[in-house]
Amino acid sequence: MNTFDQDQLSKSFTIRYLIVNENTSYFTLIGIKTLNELGAIVSMPHLKMKFPILTGKIMIVKANQKQE
């Protein structure tokens, strides 16, 4: 079960992952099927994803580009 949360808003659902051992700058890749299930809109230039939750509000997920 995965949960996206933002302040008091959250949405949980099940995602199947394929684990691979590769050097990449991404923590995880979300496929089209999952984006469709979320009803998500993705903006690559803004590194944001928006999708509706059950309350009718829009949740925003932002990428973190900080190098650790």
PDB file of N, CA and C in Angstrom:
ATOM      1  N   MET A   1       0.851  -1.171   0.000  1.00  0.00           N
ATOM      2  CA  MET A   1       0.000   0.000   0.000  1.00  0.00           C
ATOM      3  C   MET A   1       0.899   1.236   0.000  1.00  0.00           C
ATOM      4  N   ASN A   2       0.669   2.138  -0.930  1.00  0.00           N
ATOM      5  CA  ASN A   2       1.399   3.396  -0.995  1.00  0.00           C
ATOM      6  C   ASN A   2       0.480   4.525  -0.579  1.00  0.00           C
ATOM      7  N   THR A   3       1.053   5.522   0.053  1.00  0.00           N
ATOM      8  CA  THR A   3       0.281   6.696   0.464  1.00  0.00           C
ATOM      9  C   THR A   3       1.008   7.948   0.033  1.00  0.00           C
ATOM     10  N   PHE A   4       0.302   8.804  -0.687  1.00  0.00           N
ATOM     11  CA  PHE A   4       0.775  10.148  -0.972  1.00  0.00           C
ATOM     12  C   PHE A   4       0.098  11.045   0.043  1.00  0.00           C
ATOM     13  N   ASP A   5       0.862  11.903   0.702  1.00  0.00           N
ATOM     14  CA  ASP A   5       0.215  12.820   1.641  1.00  0.00           C
ATOM     15  C   ASP A   5       0.814  14.214   1.554  1.00  0.00           C
ATOM     16  N   GLN A   6      -0.029  15.180   1.925  1.00  0.00           N
ATOM     17  CA  GLN A   6       0.315  16.598   1.876  1.00  0.00           C
ATOM     18  C   GLN A   6      -0.510  17.265   2.960  1.00  0.00           C
ATOM     19  N   ASP A   7       0.155  17.742   3.991  1.00  0.00           N
ATOM     20  CA  ASP A   7      -0.535  18.358   5.124  1.00  0.00           C
ATOM     21  C   ASP A   7      -1.614  17.404   5.645  1.00  0.00           C
ATOM     22  N   GLN A   8      -2.877  17.789   5.559  1.00  0.00           N
ATOM     23  CA  GLN A   8      -3.983  16.969   6.053  1.00  0.00           C
ATOM     24  C   GLN A   8      -4.584  16.069   4.960  1.00  0.00           C
ATOM     25  N   LEU A   9      -4.105  16.191   3.717  1.00  0.00           N
ATOM     26  CA  LEU A   9      -4.652  15.421   2.606  1.00  0.00           C
ATOM     27  C   LEU A   9      -3.837  14.163   2.376  1.00  0.00           C
ATOM     28  N   SER A  10      -4.489  13.075   1.984  1.00  0.00           N
ATOM     29  CA  SER A  10      -3.753  11.861   1.641  1.00  0.00           C
ATOM     30  C   SER A  10      -4.577  10.971   0.711  1.00  0.00           C
ATOM     31  N   LYS A  11      -3.867  10.090   0.010  1.00  0.00           N
ATOM     32  CA  LYS A  11      -4.520   9.094  -0.842  1.00  0.00           C
ATOM     33  C   LYS A  11      -3.658   7.843  -0.806  1.00  0.00           C
ATOM     34  N   SER A  12      -4.277   6.695  -0.528  1.00  0.00           N
ATOM     35  CA  SER A  12      -3.571   5.422  -0.457  1.00  0.00           C
ATOM     36  C   SER A  12      -4.103   4.470  -1.513  1.00  0.00           C
ATOM     37  N   PHE A  13      -3.215   3.683  -2.095  1.00  0.00           N
ATOM     38  CA  PHE A  13      -3.608   2.677  -3.072  1.00  0.00           C
ATOM     39  C   PHE A  13      -2.454   1.699  -3.239  1.00  0.00           C
ATOM     40  N   THR A  14      -2.718   0.583  -3.887  1.00  0.00           N
ATOM     41  CA  THR A  14      -1.719  -0.460  -4.079  1.00  0.00           C
ATOM     42  C   THR A  14      -1.022  -0.276  -5.420  1.00  0.00           C
ATOM     43  N   ILE A  15       0.320  -0.379  -5.397  1.00  0.00           N
ATOM     44  CA  ILE A  15       1.131  -0.317  -6.612  1.00  0.00           C
ATOM     45  C   ILE A  15       2.020  -1.550  -6.643  1.00  0.00           C
ATOM     46  N   ARG A  16       2.126  -2.186  -7.793  1.00  0.00           N
ATOM     47  CA  ARG A  16       3.073  -3.290  -7.969  1.00  0.00           C
ATOM     48  C   ARG A  16       4.365  -2.708  -8.512  1.00  0.00           C
ATOM     49  N   TYR A  17       5.491  -3.030  -7.866  1.00  0.00           N
ATOM     50  CA  TYR A  17       6.796  -2.520  -8.273  1.00  0.00           C
ATOM     51  C   TYR A  17       7.635  -3.621  -8.901  1.00  0.00           C
ATOM     52  N   LEU A  18       8.476  -3.236  -9.836  1.00  0.00           N
ATOM     53  CA  LEU A  18       9.499  -4.103 -10.390  1.00  0.00           C
ATOM     54  C   LEU A  18      10.833  -3.539  -9.898  1.00  0.00           C
ATOM     55  N   ILE A  19      11.568  -4.315  -9.112  1.00  0.00           N
ATOM     56  CA  ILE A  19      12.821  -3.866  -8.533  1.00  0.00           C
ATOM     57  C   ILE A  19      13.962  -4.209  -9.490  1.00  0.00           C
ATOM     58  N   VAL A  20      14.760  -3.211  -9.844  1.00  0.00           N
ATOM     59  CA  VAL A  20      15.924  -3.417 -10.699  1.00  0.00           C
ATOM     60  C   VAL A  20      17.141  -2.757 -10.055  1.00  0.00           C
ATOM     61  N   ASN A  21      18.305  -3.294 -10.309  1.00  0.00           N
ATOM     62  CA  ASN A  21      19.542  -2.756  -9.778  1.00  0.00           C
ATOM     63  C   ASN A  21      20.213  -1.925 -10.873  1.00  0.00           C
ATOM     64  N   GLU A  22      19.940  -0.628 -10.889  1.00  0.00           N
ATOM     65  CA  GLU A  22      20.469   0.281 -11.905  1.00  0.00           C
ATOM     66  C   GLU A  22      20.891   1.586 -11.260  1.00  0.00           C
ATOM     67  N   ASN A  23      21.909   2.220 -11.832  1.00  0.00           N
ATOM     68  CA  ASN A  23      22.295   3.558 -11.396  1.00  0.00           C
ATOM     69  C   ASN A  23      21.373   4.563 -12.083  1.00  0.00           C
ATOM     70  N   THR A  24      20.607   5.282 -11.287  1.00  0.00           N
ATOM     71  CA  THR A  24      19.673   6.260 -11.831  1.00  0.00           C
ATOM     72  C   THR A  24      19.472   7.386 -10.826  1.00  0.00           C
ATOM     73  N   SER A  25      19.052   8.529 -11.306  1.00  0.00           N
ATOM     74  CA  SER A  25      18.784   9.659 -10.416  1.00  0.00           C
ATOM     75  C   SER A  25      17.373   9.612  -9.840  1.00  0.00           C
ATOM     76  N   TYR A  26      16.564   8.627 -10.251  1.00  0.00           N
ATOM     77  CA  TYR A  26      15.193   8.518  -9.787  1.00  0.00           C
ATOM     78  C   TYR A  26      15.088   7.529  -8.633  1.00  0.00           C
ATOM     79  N   PHE A  27      14.258   7.861  -7.645  1.00  0.00           N
ATOM     80  CA  PHE A  27      13.983   6.947  -6.536  1.00  0.00           C
ATOM     81  C   PHE A  27      12.990   5.881  -6.984  1.00  0.00           C
ATOM     82  N   THR A  28      11.989   6.313  -7.734  1.00  0.00           N
ATOM     83  CA  THR A  28      10.997   5.381  -8.274  1.00  0.00           C
ATOM     84  C   THR A  28      10.421   5.964  -9.561  1.00  0.00           C
ATOM     85  N   LEU A  29       9.984   5.105 -10.443  1.00  0.00           N
ATOM     86  CA  LEU A  29       9.311   5.518 -11.671  1.00  0.00           C
ATOM     87  C   LEU A  29       7.862   5.080 -11.571  1.00  0.00           C
ATOM     88  N   ILE A  30       6.955   5.992 -11.808  1.00  0.00           N
ATOM     89  CA  ILE A  30       5.526   5.684 -11.750  1.00  0.00           C
ATOM     90  C   ILE A  30       5.028   5.518 -13.176  1.00  0.00           C
ATOM     91  N   GLY A  31       4.451   4.362 -13.461  1.00  0.00           N
ATOM     92  CA  GLY A  31       4.005   4.049 -14.808  1.00  0.00           C
ATOM     93  C   GLY A  31       2.668   4.669 -15.175  1.00  0.00           C
ATOM     94  N   ILE A  32       2.349   4.558 -16.440  1.00  0.00           N
ATOM     95  CA  ILE A  32       1.113   5.142 -16.973  1.00  0.00           C
ATOM     96  C   ILE A  32      -0.118   4.539 -16.306  1.00  0.00           C
ATOM     97  N   LYS A  33      -0.090   3.231 -16.032  1.00  0.00           N
ATOM     98  CA  LYS A  33      -1.249   2.596 -15.394  1.00  0.00           C
ATOM     99  C   LYS A  33      -1.540   3.234 -14.032  1.00  0.00           C
ATOM    100  N   THR A  34      -0.500   3.444 -13.234  1.00  0.00           N
ATOM    101  CA  THR A  34      -0.680   4.069 -11.924  1.00  0.00           C
ATOM    102  C   THR A  34      -1.129   5.513 -12.062  1.00  0.00           C
ATOM    103  N   LEU A  35      -0.542   6.253 -13.003  1.00  0.00           N
ATOM    104  CA  LEU A  35      -0.964   7.638 -13.232  1.00  0.00           C
ATOM    105  C   LEU A  35      -2.438   7.695 -13.627  1.00  0.00           C
ATOM    106  N   ASN A  36      -2.877   6.759 -14.461  1.00  0.00           N
ATOM    107  CA  ASN A  36      -4.290   6.707 -14.856  1.00  0.00           C
ATOM    108  C   ASN A  36      -5.186   6.379 -13.672  1.00  0.00           C
ATOM    109  N   GLU A  37      -4.762   5.439 -12.813  1.00  0.00           N
ATOM    110  CA  GLU A  37      -5.555   5.095 -11.633  1.00  0.00           C
ATOM    111  C   GLU A  37      -5.685   6.287 -10.687  1.00  0.00           C
ATOM    112  N   LEU A  38      -4.639   7.088 -10.601  1.00  0.00           N
ATOM    113  CA  LEU A  38      -4.680   8.291  -9.769  1.00  0.00           C
ATOM    114  C   LEU A  38      -5.493   9.412 -10.415  1.00  0.00           C
ATOM    115  N   GLY A  39      -5.624   9.388 -11.737  1.00  0.00           N
ATOM    116  CA  GLY A  39      -6.221  10.512 -12.458  1.00  0.00           C
ATOM    117  C   GLY A  39      -5.261  11.685 -12.447  1.00  0.00           C
ATOM    118  N   ALA A  40      -3.962  11.375 -12.540  1.00  0.00           N
ATOM    119  CA  ALA A  40      -2.918  12.382 -12.345  1.00  0.00           C
ATOM    120  C   ALA A  40      -2.590  13.172 -13.605  1.00  0.00           C
ATOM    121  N   ILE A  41      -2.181  14.406 -13.365  1.00  0.00           N
ATOM    122  CA  ILE A  41      -1.613  15.272 -14.390  1.00  0.00           C
ATOM    123  C   ILE A  41      -0.171  15.534 -13.954  1.00  0.00           C
ATOM    124  N   VAL A  42       0.793  15.277 -14.848  1.00  0.00           N
ATOM    125  CA  VAL A  42       2.207  15.425 -14.508  1.00  0.00           C
ATOM    126  C   VAL A  42       2.805  16.571 -15.301  1.00  0.00           C
ATOM    127  N   SER A  43       3.585  17.418 -14.624  1.00  0.00           N
ATOM    128  CA  SER A  43       4.321  18.496 -15.280  1.00  0.00           C
ATOM    129  C   SER A  43       5.806  18.257 -15.049  1.00  0.00           C
ATOM    130  N   MET A  44       6.500  17.785 -16.077  1.00  0.00           N
ATOM    131  CA  MET A  44       7.933  17.528 -15.947  1.00  0.00           C
ATOM    132  C   MET A  44       8.736  18.818 -15.742  1.00  0.00           C
ATOM    133  N   PRO A  45       8.449  19.923 -16.462  1.00  0.00           N
ATOM    134  CA  PRO A  45       9.229  21.141 -16.221  1.00  0.00           C
ATOM    135  C   PRO A  45       9.104  21.656 -14.786  1.00  0.00           C
ATOM    136  N   HIS A  46       7.949  21.430 -14.160  1.00  0.00           N
ATOM    137  CA  HIS A  46       7.719  21.914 -12.795  1.00  0.00           C
ATOM    138  C   HIS A  46       7.997  20.841 -11.739  1.00  0.00           C
ATOM    139  N   LEU A  47       8.276  19.601 -12.194  1.00  0.00           N
ATOM    140  CA  LEU A  47       8.512  18.468 -11.293  1.00  0.00           C
ATOM    141  C   LEU A  47       7.377  18.320 -10.279  1.00  0.00           C
ATOM    142  N   LYS A  48       6.135  18.375 -10.795  1.00  0.00           N
ATOM    143  CA  LYS A  48       4.951  18.242  -9.950  1.00  0.00           C
ATOM    144  C   LYS A  48       3.959  17.273 -10.568  1.00  0.00           C
ATOM    145  N   MET A  49       3.156  16.665  -9.701  1.00  0.00           N
ATOM    146  CA  MET A  49       2.067  15.795 -10.118  1.00  0.00           C
ATOM    147  C   MET A  49       0.836  16.204  -9.314  1.00  0.00           C
ATOM    148  N   LYS A  50      -0.294  16.368  -9.986  1.00  0.00           N
ATOM    149  CA  LYS A  50      -1.542  16.734  -9.322  1.00  0.00           C
ATOM    150  C   LYS A  50      -2.592  15.671  -9.607  1.00  0.00           C
ATOM    151  N   PHE A  51      -3.404  15.353  -8.578  1.00  0.00           N
ATOM    152  CA  PHE A  51      -4.486  14.394  -8.764  1.00  0.00           C
ATOM    153  C   PHE A  51      -5.568  14.644  -7.725  1.00  0.00           C
ATOM    154  N   PRO A  52      -6.826  14.293  -8.059  1.00  0.00           N
ATOM    155  CA  PRO A  52      -7.937  14.499  -7.126  1.00  0.00           C
ATOM    156  C   PRO A  52      -7.959  13.435  -6.034  1.00  0.00           C
ATOM    157  N   ILE A  53      -8.445  13.819  -4.855  1.00  0.00           N
ATOM    158  CA  ILE A  53      -8.656  12.856  -3.777  1.00  0.00           C
ATOM    159  C   ILE A  53     -10.150  12.800  -3.460  1.00  0.00           C
ATOM    160  N   LEU A  54     -10.553  11.900  -2.576  1.00  0.00           N
ATOM    161  CA  LEU A  54     -11.974  11.645  -2.327  1.00  0.00           C
ATOM    162  C   LEU A  54     -12.747  12.864  -1.841  1.00  0.00           C
ATOM    163  N   THR A  55     -12.082  13.808  -1.166  1.00  0.00           N
ATOM    164  CA  THR A  55     -12.782  14.994  -0.658  1.00  0.00           C
ATOM    165  C   THR A  55     -13.084  15.998  -1.759  1.00  0.00           C
ATOM    166  N   GLY A  56     -12.566  15.747  -2.977  1.00  0.00           N
ATOM    167  CA  GLY A  56     -12.765  16.673  -4.084  1.00  0.00           C
ATOM    168  C   GLY A  56     -11.634  17.679  -4.212  1.00  0.00           C
ATOM    169  N   LYS A  57     -10.700  17.673  -3.263  1.00  0.00           N
ATOM    170  CA  LYS A  57      -9.551  18.572  -3.330  1.00  0.00           C
ATOM    171  C   LYS A  57      -8.494  17.983  -4.253  1.00  0.00           C
ATOM    172  N   ILE A  58      -7.535  18.826  -4.642  1.00  0.00           N
ATOM    173  CA  ILE A  58      -6.445  18.402  -5.510  1.00  0.00           C
ATOM    174  C   ILE A  58      -5.172  18.284  -4.683  1.00  0.00           C
ATOM    175  N   MET A  59      -4.534  17.129  -4.756  1.00  0.00           N
ATOM    176  CA  MET A  59      -3.263  16.917  -4.067  1.00  0.00           C
ATOM    177  C   MET A  59      -2.127  17.212  -5.032  1.00  0.00           C
ATOM    178  N   ILE A  60      -1.058  17.826  -4.530  1.00  0.00           N
ATOM    179  CA  ILE A  60       0.115  18.147  -5.329  1.00  0.00           C
ATOM    180  C   ILE A  60       1.323  17.435  -4.725  1.00  0.00           C
ATOM    181  N   VAL A  61       2.026  16.664  -5.554  1.00  0.00           N
ATOM    182  CA  VAL A  61       3.258  16.002  -5.141  1.00  0.00           C
ATOM    183  C   VAL A  61       4.391  16.701  -5.874  1.00  0.00           C
ATOM    184  N   LYS A  62       5.393  17.186  -5.126  1.00  0.00           N
ATOM    185  CA  LYS A  62       6.524  17.909  -5.711  1.00  0.00           C
ATOM    186  C   LYS A  62       7.787  17.076  -5.575  1.00  0.00           C
ATOM    187  N   ALA A  63       8.638  17.129  -6.599  1.00  0.00           N
ATOM    188  CA  ALA A  63       9.918  16.417  -6.548  1.00  0.00           C
ATOM    189  C   ALA A  63      10.924  17.217  -5.741  1.00  0.00           C
ATOM    190  N   ASN A  64      11.837  16.491  -5.119  1.00  0.00           N
ATOM    191  CA  ASN A  64      12.923  17.108  -4.369  1.00  0.00           C
ATOM    192  C   ASN A  64      14.210  16.918  -5.168  1.00  0.00           C
ATOM    193  N   GLN A  65      14.790  18.000  -5.648  1.00  0.00           N
ATOM    194  CA  GLN A  65      15.991  17.922  -6.470  1.00  0.00           C
ATOM    195  C   GLN A  65      17.288  18.101  -5.686  1.00  0.00           C
ATOM    196  N   LYS A  66      17.224  18.133  -4.357  1.00  0.00           N
ATOM    197  CA  LYS A  66      18.419  18.315  -3.552  1.00  0.00           C
ATOM    198  C   LYS A  66      19.303  17.072  -3.637  1.00  0.00           C
ATOM    199  N   GLN A  67      20.600  17.298  -3.801  1.00  0.00           N
ATOM    200  CA  GLN A  67      21.574  16.206  -3.807  1.00  0.00           C
ATOM    201  C   GLN A  67      21.948  15.865  -2.390  1.00  0.00           C
ATOM    202  N   GLU A  68      21.917  14.595  -2.037  1.00  0.00           N
ATOM    203  CA  GLU A  68      22.281  14.175  -0.680  1.00  0.00           C
ATOM    204  C   GLU A  68      23.575  13.415  -0.692  1.00  0.00           C
TER     205      GLU A  68
END
